[in-house]
Amino acid sequence: MDRKHFLKTLALLPLAGVGMKLNELHKITDNFIGTEKMPVLFVGHGSPMNAITDNIYSRSWKTIGESLTVPKAILCVSAHWLTNGTAVTMVEHPKTIHDFGGFPDELFKVQYPAPGAVDYAKMAIASVTSTVVHEDIEWGLDHGAWSVLKNMYPKANIPVFQMSIDYAKPPQYHFNLAKELYALRKKGVLIVASGNIVHNLGIISWDGKVKAYDWAVEFDTIVKNSILENNPTPLIEYQKLGKLAMLAHPTNDHYLPLMYTLGLRDKTDTVQFFNETLDMGSLSMRSVLFS
């Protein structure tokens, strides 16, 4: 069956498909005790070295981890797992992925042996009706996940799974997909999106002479104000900012995780910013907690 025929066939049975998904979701979630609504985080992770460096970023991650209700599981959406289609990890013991180069051996030796969260991954799959979420048994925890979680939960004792980013899809797709994951917040799952609000590696100020480019400050401020106003539309449509958008994100892999945090927000959430700084001129470390 070709793709066109398949899509036409699928369109004839939308309600049946959704009904089966809802039944599956109820069967899975019935096995999990409901909790108070868990927070959702967007974390600017920056350099992998933040994982092993005692600095303002790693200390703030530690503080946030200590301040939150201990989650039953963690779902991480990282800028470093890009796929065709959407997938979740279904492994009991996710490997620590060192997906970078040119850093000290000490960083490559880091292991984050958190258990997987297969049952919660199944819940995520059942929650999404707008697209097929695939099961993945190859991926583990990339540095967008473990560099942050290593500081938040150093005992590595909380089950973790990741959801990939379908890189072919626009921001609106990711925003909408996140809304379908909302039920996880009421089942004890802490959802952590990891990227950077400004991410332009091509013009980083390695010598530190440029603290923050003017355009980086401008883009970062637009994001902050839109979040404070609970107006996600300018952020979903950020490419309308033209040159400013291209400077902030020559590629949008580190921007798309923000869409998941925004999509998971509800009207009762409070807003807390942390790490409100720009690093090396063109990396925004701004992070936000909705709770």
C-alpha atoms as a PDB file:
ATOM      1  CA  MET A   1       0.000   0.000   0.000  1.00  0.00           C
ATOM      2  CA  ASP A   2       1.488   3.364  -0.983  1.00  0.00           C
ATOM      3  CA  ARG A   3       1.615   6.270   1.451  1.00  0.00           C
ATOM      4  CA  LYS A   4      -1.260   8.173  -0.191  1.00  0.00           C
ATOM      5  CA  HIS A   5      -3.544   5.128  -0.087  1.00  0.00           C
ATOM      6  CA  PHE A   6      -2.520   4.377   3.480  1.00  0.00           C
ATOM      7  CA  LEU A   7      -3.347   7.897   4.650  1.00  0.00           C
ATOM      8  CA  LYS A   8      -6.738   7.774   2.948  1.00  0.00           C
ATOM      9  CA  THR A   9      -7.519   4.444   4.576  1.00  0.00           C
ATOM     10  CA  LEU A  10      -6.408   5.714   7.954  1.00  0.00           C
ATOM     11  CA  ALA A  11      -8.636   8.785   7.614  1.00  0.00           C
ATOM     12  CA  LEU A  12     -11.704   6.550   7.268  1.00  0.00           C
ATOM     13  CA  LEU A  13     -11.278   5.192  10.789  1.00  0.00           C
ATOM     14  CA  PRO A  14     -10.161   8.058  13.025  1.00  0.00           C
ATOM     15  CA  LEU A  15     -12.679   7.468  15.780  1.00  0.00           C
ATOM     16  CA  ALA A  16     -11.947   3.760  16.011  1.00  0.00           C
ATOM     17  CA  GLY A  17      -8.235   4.462  16.279  1.00  0.00           C
ATOM     18  CA  VAL A  18      -8.714   7.060  18.971  1.00  0.00           C
ATOM     19  CA  GLY A  19     -11.114   4.782  20.838  1.00  0.00           C
ATOM     20  CA  MET A  20      -8.591   1.956  20.892  1.00  0.00           C
ATOM     21  CA  LYS A  21      -5.904   4.332  22.114  1.00  0.00           C
ATOM     22  CA  LEU A  22      -8.120   5.643  24.918  1.00  0.00           C
ATOM     23  CA  ASN A  23      -8.993   2.127  26.012  1.00  0.00           C
ATOM     24  CA  GLU A  24      -5.320   1.242  26.027  1.00  0.00           C
ATOM     25  CA  LEU A  25      -4.509   4.371  28.018  1.00  0.00           C
ATOM     26  CA  HIS A  26      -7.142   3.578  30.639  1.00  0.00           C
ATOM     27  CA  LYS A  27      -5.823   0.036  31.030  1.00  0.00           C
ATOM     28  CA  ILE A  28      -2.283   1.310  31.574  1.00  0.00           C
ATOM     29  CA  THR A  29      -3.021   4.314  33.787  1.00  0.00           C
ATOM     30  CA  ASP A  30      -5.368   2.321  36.012  1.00  0.00           C
ATOM     31  CA  ASN A  31      -2.262   0.561  37.306  1.00  0.00           C
ATOM     32  CA  PHE A  32      -0.673   3.835  38.426  1.00  0.00           C
ATOM     33  CA  ILE A  33      -1.685   5.787  41.493  1.00  0.00           C
ATOM     34  CA  GLY A  34      -2.610   9.369  40.730  1.00  0.00           C
ATOM     35  CA  THR A  35      -0.525  12.149  42.259  1.00  0.00           C
ATOM     36  CA  GLU A  36      -0.665  15.872  42.633  1.00  0.00           C
ATOM     37  CA  LYS A  37       0.258  17.573  39.387  1.00  0.00           C
ATOM     38  CA  MET A  38       4.002  17.317  38.806  1.00  0.00           C
ATOM     39  CA  PRO A  39       6.018  20.300  37.584  1.00  0.00           C
ATOM     40  CA  VAL A  40       7.423  20.547  34.082  1.00  0.00           C
ATOM     41  CA  LEU A  41      10.847  21.972  33.295  1.00  0.00           C
ATOM     42  CA  PHE A  42      12.750  23.507  30.435  1.00  0.00           C
ATOM     43  CA  VAL A  43      16.464  23.405  31.190  1.00  0.00           C
ATOM     44  CA  GLY A  44      19.167  25.209  29.247  1.00  0.00           C
ATOM     45  CA  HIS A  45      21.920  22.598  29.400  1.00  0.00           C
ATOM     46  CA  GLY A  46      24.732  24.365  27.531  1.00  0.00           C
ATOM     47  CA  SER A  47      28.170  22.748  27.492  1.00  0.00           C
ATOM     48  CA  PRO A  48      28.481  19.060  28.463  1.00  0.00           C
ATOM     49  CA  MET A  49      31.149  20.202  30.934  1.00  0.00           C
ATOM     50  CA  ASN A  50      28.367  21.573  33.131  1.00  0.00           C
ATOM     51  CA  ALA A  51      27.752  17.951  34.112  1.00  0.00           C
ATOM     52  CA  ILE A  52      31.028  17.760  36.036  1.00  0.00           C
ATOM     53  CA  THR A  53      31.787  21.409  36.788  1.00  0.00           C
ATOM     54  CA  ASP A  54      30.804  23.095  40.025  1.00  0.00           C
ATOM     55  CA  ASN A  55      29.211  26.278  38.677  1.00  0.00           C
ATOM     56  CA  ILE A  56      26.025  28.298  38.908  1.00  0.00           C
ATOM     57  CA  TYR A  57      24.270  25.986  36.458  1.00  0.00           C
ATOM     58  CA  SER A  58      25.069  22.665  38.074  1.00  0.00           C
ATOM     59  CA  ARG A  59      24.331  24.087  41.529  1.00  0.00           C
ATOM     60  CA  SER A  60      20.930  25.368  40.416  1.00  0.00           C
ATOM     61  CA  TRP A  61      20.060  21.966  38.949  1.00  0.00           C
ATOM     62  CA  LYS A  62      20.958  20.387  42.268  1.00  0.00           C
ATOM     63  CA  THR A  63      18.791  22.905  44.136  1.00  0.00           C
ATOM     64  CA  ILE A  64      15.819  22.327  41.832  1.00  0.00           C
ATOM     65  CA  GLY A  65      16.116  18.561  42.244  1.00  0.00           C
ATOM     66  CA  GLU A  66      16.155  18.897  46.021  1.00  0.00           C
ATOM     67  CA  SER A  67      13.154  21.246  46.048  1.00  0.00           C
ATOM     68  CA  LEU A  68      10.735  19.187  43.948  1.00  0.00           C
ATOM     69  CA  THR A  69       8.480  16.353  45.004  1.00  0.00           C
ATOM     70  CA  VAL A  70      10.380  13.167  44.247  1.00  0.00           C
ATOM     71  CA  PRO A  71       8.995  11.901  40.924  1.00  0.00           C
ATOM     72  CA  LYS A  72       7.993   8.318  40.229  1.00  0.00           C
ATOM     73  CA  ALA A  73       9.658   8.606  36.826  1.00  0.00           C
ATOM     74  CA  ILE A  74      11.256  11.215  34.582  1.00  0.00           C
ATOM     75  CA  LEU A  75      10.509  11.819  30.911  1.00  0.00           C
ATOM     76  CA  CYS A  76      13.249  13.773  29.162  1.00  0.00           C
ATOM     77  CA  VAL A  77      12.887  15.423  25.757  1.00  0.00           C
ATOM     78  CA  SER A  78      16.413  16.266  24.669  1.00  0.00           C
ATOM     79  CA  ALA A  79      17.781  18.336  21.806  1.00  0.00           C
ATOM     80  CA  HIS A  80      20.215  15.500  21.156  1.00  0.00           C
ATOM     81  CA  TRP A  81      17.796  12.787  20.083  1.00  0.00           C
ATOM     82  CA  LEU A  82      16.479  13.718  16.656  1.00  0.00           C
ATOM     83  CA  THR A  83      14.571  11.162  14.595  1.00  0.00           C
ATOM     84  CA  ASN A  84      12.210  10.660  11.694  1.00  0.00           C
ATOM     85  CA  GLY A  85       8.984  10.107  13.576  1.00  0.00           C
ATOM     86  CA  THR A  86       8.529  10.141  17.341  1.00  0.00           C
ATOM     87  CA  ALA A  87       9.866   7.403  19.608  1.00  0.00           C
ATOM     88  CA  VAL A  88      10.273   6.613  23.295  1.00  0.00           C
ATOM     89  CA  THR A  89      12.938   4.480  24.908  1.00  0.00           C
ATOM     90  CA  MET A  90      11.716   1.084  26.078  1.00  0.00           C
ATOM     91  CA  VAL A  91      14.835  -0.230  27.809  1.00  0.00           C
ATOM     92  CA  GLU A  92      15.206  -1.478  31.369  1.00  0.00           C
ATOM     93  CA  HIS A  93      18.765  -0.190  31.751  1.00  0.00           C
ATOM     94  CA  PRO A  94      19.454   2.802  29.480  1.00  0.00           C
ATOM     95  CA  LYS A  95      23.073   3.281  28.503  1.00  0.00           C
ATOM     96  CA  THR A  96      24.905   6.549  29.074  1.00  0.00           C
ATOM     97  CA  ILE A  97      25.582   8.057  25.647  1.00  0.00           C
ATOM     98  CA  HIS A  98      28.643  10.289  25.234  1.00  0.00           C
ATOM     99  CA  ASP A  99      27.452  12.084  22.126  1.00  0.00           C
ATOM    100  CA  PHE A 100      30.184  14.706  21.836  1.00  0.00           C
ATOM    101  CA  GLY A 101      33.875  15.063  21.101  1.00  0.00           C
ATOM    102  CA  GLY A 102      36.896  17.079  22.147  1.00  0.00           C
ATOM    103  CA  PHE A 103      36.227  17.049  25.874  1.00  0.00           C
ATOM    104  CA  PRO A 104      38.368  15.684  28.729  1.00  0.00           C
ATOM    105  CA  ASP A 105      38.452  11.960  29.478  1.00  0.00           C
ATOM    106  CA  GLU A 106      36.781  12.683  32.807  1.00  0.00           C
ATOM    107  CA  LEU A 107      33.579  13.572  30.980  1.00  0.00           C
ATOM    108  CA  PHE A 108      33.630  10.401  28.882  1.00  0.00           C
ATOM    109  CA  LYS A 109      33.964   8.324  32.041  1.00  0.00           C
ATOM    110  CA  VAL A 110      30.718   9.638  33.496  1.00  0.00           C
ATOM    111  CA  GLN A 111      28.007   7.030  33.835  1.00  0.00           C
ATOM    112  CA  TYR A 112      24.416   7.719  34.860  1.00  0.00           C
ATOM    113  CA  PRO A 113      22.993   4.262  35.628  1.00  0.00           C
ATOM    114  CA  ALA A 114      19.367   5.221  36.228  1.00  0.00           C
ATOM    115  CA  PRO A 115      16.848   2.462  35.557  1.00  0.00           C
ATOM    116  CA  GLY A 116      14.513   2.719  32.608  1.00  0.00           C
ATOM    117  CA  ALA A 117      10.788   3.420  32.880  1.00  0.00           C
ATOM    118  CA  VAL A 118       9.187   1.025  30.418  1.00  0.00           C
ATOM    119  CA  ASP A 119       5.701   1.105  31.952  1.00  0.00           C
ATOM    120  CA  TYR A 120       5.642   4.897  31.911  1.00  0.00           C
ATOM    121  CA  ALA A 121       6.919   4.877  28.332  1.00  0.00           C
ATOM    122  CA  LYS A 122       3.933   2.689  27.445  1.00  0.00           C
ATOM    123  CA  MET A 123       1.706   5.270  29.116  1.00  0.00           C
ATOM    124  CA  ALA A 124       3.242   7.999  26.947  1.00  0.00           C
ATOM    125  CA  ILE A 125       2.620   5.943  23.811  1.00  0.00           C
ATOM    126  CA  ALA A 126      -0.995   5.323  24.794  1.00  0.00           C
ATOM    127  CA  SER A 127      -1.528   9.009  25.582  1.00  0.00           C
ATOM    128  CA  VAL A 128      -0.724  10.178  22.057  1.00  0.00           C
ATOM    129  CA  THR A 129      -3.474   9.764  19.477  1.00  0.00           C
ATOM    130  CA  SER A 130      -2.357  12.283  16.842  1.00  0.00           C
ATOM    131  CA  THR A 131       0.612  10.254  15.632  1.00  0.00           C
ATOM    132  CA  VAL A 132       2.281   6.886  16.056  1.00  0.00           C
ATOM    133  CA  VAL A 133       4.885   6.847  18.829  1.00  0.00           C
ATOM    134  CA  HIS A 134       7.408   4.104  18.188  1.00  0.00           C
ATOM    135  CA  GLU A 135       9.152   1.909  20.724  1.00  0.00           C
ATOM    136  CA  ASP A 136      12.957   2.235  20.707  1.00  0.00           C
ATOM    137  CA  ILE A 137      15.334  -0.266  22.274  1.00  0.00           C
ATOM    138  CA  GLU A 138      18.617   1.217  20.999  1.00  0.00           C
ATOM    139  CA  TRP A 139      18.796   4.715  22.500  1.00  0.00           C
ATOM    140  CA  GLY A 140      19.776   5.378  26.091  1.00  0.00           C
ATOM    141  CA  LEU A 141      20.360   8.697  27.852  1.00  0.00           C
ATOM    142  CA  ASP A 142      22.180  11.345  25.828  1.00  0.00           C
ATOM    143  CA  HIS A 143      24.049  14.206  27.434  1.00  0.00           C
ATOM    144  CA  GLY A 144      21.079  16.549  27.088  1.00  0.00           C
ATOM    145  CA  ALA A 145      19.422  14.272  29.639  1.00  0.00           C
ATOM    146  CA  TRP A 146      22.146  12.912  31.914  1.00  0.00           C
ATOM    147  CA  SER A 147      24.239  16.088  32.210  1.00  0.00           C
ATOM    148  CA  VAL A 148      21.263  17.740  33.933  1.00  0.00           C
ATOM    149  CA  LEU A 149      19.854  14.716  35.779  1.00  0.00           C
ATOM    150  CA  LYS A 150      23.271  13.817  37.174  1.00  0.00           C
ATOM    151  CA  ASN A 151      23.111  17.016  39.206  1.00  0.00           C
ATOM    152  CA  MET A 152      19.378  16.992  39.939  1.00  0.00           C
ATOM    153  CA  TYR A 153      19.290  13.359  41.077  1.00  0.00           C
ATOM    154  CA  PRO A 154      22.883  12.240  41.691  1.00  0.00           C
ATOM    155  CA  LYS A 155      21.846   8.863  43.128  1.00  0.00           C
ATOM    156  CA  ALA A 156      20.466   7.881  39.693  1.00  0.00           C
ATOM    157  CA  ASN A 157      17.653   6.069  41.474  1.00  0.00           C
ATOM    158  CA  ILE A 158      14.646   7.490  39.600  1.00  0.00           C
ATOM    159  CA  PRO A 159      13.495   5.674  36.431  1.00  0.00           C
ATOM    160  CA  VAL A 160      14.093   7.682  33.255  1.00  0.00           C
ATOM    161  CA  PHE A 161      12.925   7.422  29.669  1.00  0.00           C
ATOM    162  CA  GLN A 162      13.364   9.729  26.699  1.00  0.00           C
ATOM    163  CA  MET A 163      11.095  10.870  23.900  1.00  0.00           C
ATOM    164  CA  SER A 164      12.708  11.775  20.595  1.00  0.00           C
ATOM    165  CA  ILE A 165      12.136  14.906  18.550  1.00  0.00           C
ATOM    166  CA  ASP A 166      10.741  14.379  15.062  1.00  0.00           C
ATOM    167  CA  TYR A 167      13.046  16.843  13.361  1.00  0.00           C
ATOM    168  CA  ALA A 168      10.985  17.008  10.175  1.00  0.00           C
ATOM    169  CA  LYS A 169       8.074  18.570  12.022  1.00  0.00           C
ATOM    170  CA  PRO A 170       7.473  22.283  12.768  1.00  0.00           C
ATOM    171  CA  PRO A 171       7.211  23.802  16.270  1.00  0.00           C
ATOM    172  CA  GLN A 172       3.397  23.621  16.235  1.00  0.00           C
ATOM    173  CA  TYR A 173       3.549  19.832  15.926  1.00  0.00           C
ATOM    174  CA  HIS A 174       5.706  19.531  19.031  1.00  0.00           C
ATOM    175  CA  PHE A 175       3.558  21.987  20.992  1.00  0.00           C
ATOM    176  CA  ASN A 176       0.428  19.990  20.159  1.00  0.00           C
ATOM    177  CA  LEU A 177       2.073  16.656  20.884  1.00  0.00           C
ATOM    178  CA  ALA A 178       3.115  17.867  24.324  1.00  0.00           C
ATOM    179  CA  LYS A 179      -0.504  18.595  25.241  1.00  0.00           C
ATOM    180  CA  GLU A 180      -1.298  14.923  24.750  1.00  0.00           C
ATOM    181  CA  LEU A 181       1.289  14.013  27.377  1.00  0.00           C
ATOM    182  CA  TYR A 182      -0.364  16.071  30.094  1.00  0.00           C
ATOM    183  CA  ALA A 183      -1.856  13.035  31.867  1.00  0.00           C
ATOM    184  CA  LEU A 184       1.671  11.966  32.824  1.00  0.00           C
ATOM    185  CA  ARG A 185       1.974  15.028  35.051  1.00  0.00           C
ATOM    186  CA  LYS A 186      -0.790  13.579  37.230  1.00  0.00           C
ATOM    187  CA  LYS A 187       0.831  10.154  37.409  1.00  0.00           C
ATOM    188  CA  GLY A 188       4.020  11.217  39.138  1.00  0.00           C
ATOM    189  CA  VAL A 189       6.100  11.889  36.009  1.00  0.00           C
ATOM    190  CA  LEU A 190       8.469  14.852  35.978  1.00  0.00           C
ATOM    191  CA  ILE A 191       8.864  16.022  32.387  1.00  0.00           C
ATOM    192  CA  VAL A 192      12.180  17.710  31.616  1.00  0.00           C
ATOM    193  CA  ALA A 193      12.838  19.349  28.248  1.00  0.00           C
ATOM    194  CA  SER A 194      16.519  20.054  27.634  1.00  0.00           C
ATOM    195  CA  GLY A 195      17.893  22.459  25.037  1.00  0.00           C
ATOM    196  CA  ASN A 196      18.776  26.174  24.888  1.00  0.00           C
ATOM    197  CA  ILE A 197      16.610  29.220  24.221  1.00  0.00           C
ATOM    198  CA  VAL A 198      19.481  30.766  22.242  1.00  0.00           C
ATOM    199  CA  HIS A 199      21.952  28.351  20.635  1.00  0.00           C
ATOM    200  CA  ASN A 200      24.432  29.531  18.010  1.00  0.00           C
ATOM    201  CA  LEU A 201      27.679  27.583  18.266  1.00  0.00           C
ATOM    202  CA  GLY A 202      29.130  29.198  15.151  1.00  0.00           C
ATOM    203  CA  ILE A 203      29.825  32.539  16.819  1.00  0.00           C
ATOM    204  CA  ILE A 204      30.500  31.542  20.416  1.00  0.00           C
ATOM    205  CA  SER A 205      32.878  33.874  22.218  1.00  0.00           C
ATOM    206  CA  TRP A 206      35.373  31.252  23.363  1.00  0.00           C
ATOM    207  CA  ASP A 207      37.647  33.829  24.981  1.00  0.00           C
ATOM    208  CA  GLY A 208      34.764  35.313  26.961  1.00  0.00           C
ATOM    209  CA  LYS A 209      35.250  38.818  25.596  1.00  0.00           C
ATOM    210  CA  VAL A 210      31.610  38.962  24.495  1.00  0.00           C
ATOM    211  CA  LYS A 211      29.324  38.337  27.439  1.00  0.00           C
ATOM    212  CA  ALA A 212      26.126  38.469  25.412  1.00  0.00           C
ATOM    213  CA  TYR A 213      25.398  39.553  21.851  1.00  0.00           C
ATOM    214  CA  ASP A 214      22.646  42.167  21.590  1.00  0.00           C
ATOM    215  CA  TRP A 215      20.559  39.958  19.313  1.00  0.00           C
ATOM    216  CA  ALA A 216      20.874  37.059  21.781  1.00  0.00           C
ATOM    217  CA  VAL A 217      19.588  39.259  24.598  1.00  0.00           C
ATOM    218  CA  GLU A 218      16.722  40.439  22.377  1.00  0.00           C
ATOM    219  CA  PHE A 219      15.617  36.912  21.483  1.00  0.00           C
ATOM    220  CA  ASP A 220      15.978  35.695  25.064  1.00  0.00           C
ATOM    221  CA  THR A 221      13.840  38.620  26.258  1.00  0.00           C
ATOM    222  CA  ILE A 222      11.114  37.863  23.715  1.00  0.00           C
ATOM    223  CA  VAL A 223      10.939  34.306  25.028  1.00  0.00           C
ATOM    224  CA  LYS A 224      10.848  35.459  28.644  1.00  0.00           C
ATOM    225  CA  ASN A 225       8.077  37.992  28.034  1.00  0.00           C
ATOM    226  CA  SER A 226       5.957  35.569  26.013  1.00  0.00           C
ATOM    227  CA  ILE A 227       6.189  33.032  28.832  1.00  0.00           C
ATOM    228  CA  LEU A 228       5.262  35.633  31.442  1.00  0.00           C
ATOM    229  CA  GLU A 229       2.266  36.656  29.328  1.00  0.00           C
ATOM    230  CA  ASN A 230       1.320  33.001  28.763  1.00  0.00           C
ATOM    231  CA  ASN A 231       1.283  33.726  25.048  1.00  0.00           C
ATOM    232  CA  PRO A 232       3.036  30.858  23.252  1.00  0.00           C
ATOM    233  CA  THR A 233       2.054  31.912  19.732  1.00  0.00           C
ATOM    234  CA  PRO A 234       5.087  34.171  19.061  1.00  0.00           C
ATOM    235  CA  LEU A 235       7.344  31.359  20.238  1.00  0.00           C
ATOM    236  CA  ILE A 236       5.650  28.722  18.103  1.00  0.00           C
ATOM    237  CA  GLU A 237       5.905  31.133  15.155  1.00  0.00           C
ATOM    238  CA  TYR A 238       9.384  32.329  16.089  1.00  0.00           C
ATOM    239  CA  GLN A 239      10.645  32.020  12.500  1.00  0.00           C
ATOM    240  CA  LYS A 240       8.560  35.108  11.675  1.00  0.00           C
ATOM    241  CA  LEU A 241      11.298  37.027  13.494  1.00  0.00           C
ATOM    242  CA  GLY A 242      13.439  36.501  10.415  1.00  0.00           C
ATOM    243  CA  LYS A 243      17.133  37.301  10.855  1.00  0.00           C
ATOM    244  CA  LEU A 244      16.795  37.408  14.634  1.00  0.00           C
ATOM    245  CA  ALA A 245      15.418  33.864  14.622  1.00  0.00           C
ATOM    246  CA  MET A 246      18.217  32.634  12.352  1.00  0.00           C
ATOM    247  CA  LEU A 247      20.866  34.184  14.566  1.00  0.00           C
ATOM    248  CA  ALA A 248      19.369  32.641  17.677  1.00  0.00           C
ATOM    249  CA  HIS A 249      18.903  29.239  16.041  1.00  0.00           C
ATOM    250  CA  PRO A 250      20.752  28.464  12.788  1.00  0.00           C
ATOM    251  CA  THR A 251      19.216  25.027  13.393  1.00  0.00           C
ATOM    252  CA  ASN A 252      16.290  24.623  15.775  1.00  0.00           C
ATOM    253  CA  ASP A 253      17.206  21.327  17.460  1.00  0.00           C
ATOM    254  CA  HIS A 254      17.894  23.107  20.766  1.00  0.00           C
ATOM    255  CA  TYR A 255      14.778  25.258  20.459  1.00  0.00           C
ATOM    256  CA  LEU A 256      12.169  22.550  19.854  1.00  0.00           C
ATOM    257  CA  PRO A 257      12.350  21.102  23.398  1.00  0.00           C
ATOM    258  CA  LEU A 258      10.889  24.399  24.621  1.00  0.00           C
ATOM    259  CA  MET A 259       7.705  23.581  22.706  1.00  0.00           C
ATOM    260  CA  TYR A 260       7.118  20.584  24.968  1.00  0.00           C
ATOM    261  CA  THR A 261       7.352  22.669  28.124  1.00  0.00           C
ATOM    262  CA  LEU A 262       4.993  25.282  26.706  1.00  0.00           C
ATOM    263  CA  GLY A 263       2.513  22.667  25.521  1.00  0.00           C
ATOM    264  CA  LEU A 264       2.453  20.986  28.932  1.00  0.00           C
ATOM    265  CA  ARG A 265       1.758  24.211  30.794  1.00  0.00           C
ATOM    266  CA  ASP A 266      -1.690  24.695  32.263  1.00  0.00           C
ATOM    267  CA  LYS A 267      -3.453  27.864  33.353  1.00  0.00           C
ATOM    268  CA  THR A 268      -2.882  27.212  37.058  1.00  0.00           C
ATOM    269  CA  ASP A 269       0.890  26.822  36.787  1.00  0.00           C
ATOM    270  CA  THR A 270       3.179  29.321  38.441  1.00  0.00           C
ATOM    271  CA  VAL A 271       6.333  30.417  36.601  1.00  0.00           C
ATOM    272  CA  GLN A 272       9.851  30.348  37.991  1.00  0.00           C
ATOM    273  CA  PHE A 273      12.870  31.295  35.909  1.00  0.00           C
ATOM    274  CA  PHE A 274      16.391  30.264  36.858  1.00  0.00           C
ATOM    275  CA  ASN A 275      19.856  30.453  35.249  1.00  0.00           C
ATOM    276  CA  GLU A 276      18.822  33.680  33.522  1.00  0.00           C
ATOM    277  CA  THR A 277      22.198  34.280  31.896  1.00  0.00           C
ATOM    278  CA  LEU A 278      23.864  34.086  28.517  1.00  0.00           C
ATOM    279  CA  ASP A 279      27.026  32.031  28.283  1.00  0.00           C
ATOM    280  CA  MET A 280      29.878  32.677  25.841  1.00  0.00           C
ATOM    281  CA  GLY A 281      27.853  35.319  24.027  1.00  0.00           C
ATOM    282  CA  SER A 282      25.448  33.110  22.108  1.00  0.00           C
ATOM    283  CA  LEU A 283      24.118  30.460  24.492  1.00  0.00           C
ATOM    284  CA  SER A 284      21.116  31.287  26.653  1.00  0.00           C
ATOM    285  CA  MET A 285      21.028  29.214  29.808  1.00  0.00           C
ATOM    286  CA  ARG A 286      17.584  30.545  30.744  1.00  0.00           C
ATOM    287  CA  SER A 287      15.498  27.802  32.285  1.00  0.00           C
ATOM    288  CA  VAL A 288      11.897  27.744  33.467  1.00  0.00           C
ATOM    289  CA  LEU A 289       9.847  25.708  35.922  1.00  0.00           C
ATOM    290  CA  PHE A 290       6.068  25.464  35.654  1.00  0.00           C
ATOM    291  CA  SER A 291       4.449  24.099  38.793  1.00  0.00           C
END
